[in-house]
């Protein structure tokens, strides 16, 4: 989990099955065994705040 969180630094681009577009990370924080990502979609400019874990595409 630590290695994953280290890769989710502000400015990083992520893609996930639960996100409809690539997202630029603004902030990422752990919540138990999950990670909450706050990011902005590259195509639409929409903000996303999913909570991801291994089952949801982390």
Protein backbone atom coordinates (compact mmCIF):
# COMPACT_ATOMS: atom_id res chain seq x y z
CA UNK A 1 0.00 0.00 0.00
CA UNK A 2 2.84 2.42 0.81
CA UNK A 3 4.35 1.99 -2.64
CA UNK A 4 1.00 2.68 -4.29
CA UNK A 5 0.43 5.79 -2.20
CA UNK A 6 3.92 7.05 -3.06
CA UNK A 7 3.04 6.84 -6.76
CA UNK A 8 -0.15 8.88 -6.22
CA UNK A 9 1.64 12.18 -5.76
CA UNK A 10 0.10 15.49 -6.85
CA UNK A 11 0.43 15.89 -10.59
CA UNK A 12 0.51 12.15 -11.34
CA UNK A 13 -1.93 10.87 -13.98
CA UNK A 14 -3.98 7.78 -13.09
CA UNK A 15 -6.36 5.53 -14.97
CA UNK A 16 -8.75 3.12 -13.28
CA UNK A 17 -11.80 1.06 -14.26
CA UNK A 18 -13.87 3.26 -11.90
CA UNK A 19 -12.80 6.50 -13.59
CA UNK A 20 -14.32 7.47 -16.95
CA UNK A 21 -11.19 9.36 -18.04
CA UNK A 22 -7.54 9.88 -17.06
CA UNK A 23 -7.32 11.94 -13.86
CA UNK A 24 -4.54 14.23 -12.61
CA UNK A 25 -4.02 13.72 -8.87
CA UNK A 26 -4.49 16.76 -6.64
CA UNK A 27 -4.31 14.84 -3.36
CA UNK A 28 -4.34 11.22 -2.18
CA UNK A 29 -4.83 9.99 1.38
CA UNK A 30 -5.23 6.62 3.01
CA UNK A 31 -8.47 5.59 4.66
CA UNK A 32 -7.86 2.23 6.33
CA UNK A 33 -6.95 -0.22 3.55
CA UNK A 34 -8.24 2.16 0.86
CA UNK A 35 -7.02 5.35 -0.78
CA UNK A 36 -9.13 8.43 -1.44
CA UNK A 37 -8.06 10.26 -4.56
CA UNK A 38 -8.97 13.85 -5.25
CA UNK A 39 -8.30 14.65 -8.87
CA UNK A 40 -9.36 16.47 -12.01
CA UNK A 41 -10.28 14.78 -15.28
CA UNK A 42 -7.93 15.59 -18.14
CA UNK A 43 -10.66 15.63 -20.79
CA UNK A 44 -13.63 17.20 -19.01
CA UNK A 45 -12.08 19.16 -16.15
CA UNK A 46 -14.54 17.40 -13.82
CA UNK A 47 -13.39 16.72 -10.26
CA UNK A 48 -13.37 13.15 -8.93
CA UNK A 49 -13.09 11.90 -5.35
CA UNK A 50 -13.27 8.08 -5.51
CA UNK A 51 -12.22 5.83 -2.67
CA UNK A 52 -10.26 2.97 -4.21
CA UNK A 53 -9.04 -0.37 -2.92
CA UNK A 54 -7.78 -3.57 -4.54
CA UNK A 55 -11.35 -4.61 -5.46
CA UNK A 56 -12.19 -1.25 -7.05
CA UNK A 57 -9.18 -0.78 -9.26
CA UNK A 58 -6.33 0.41 -7.09
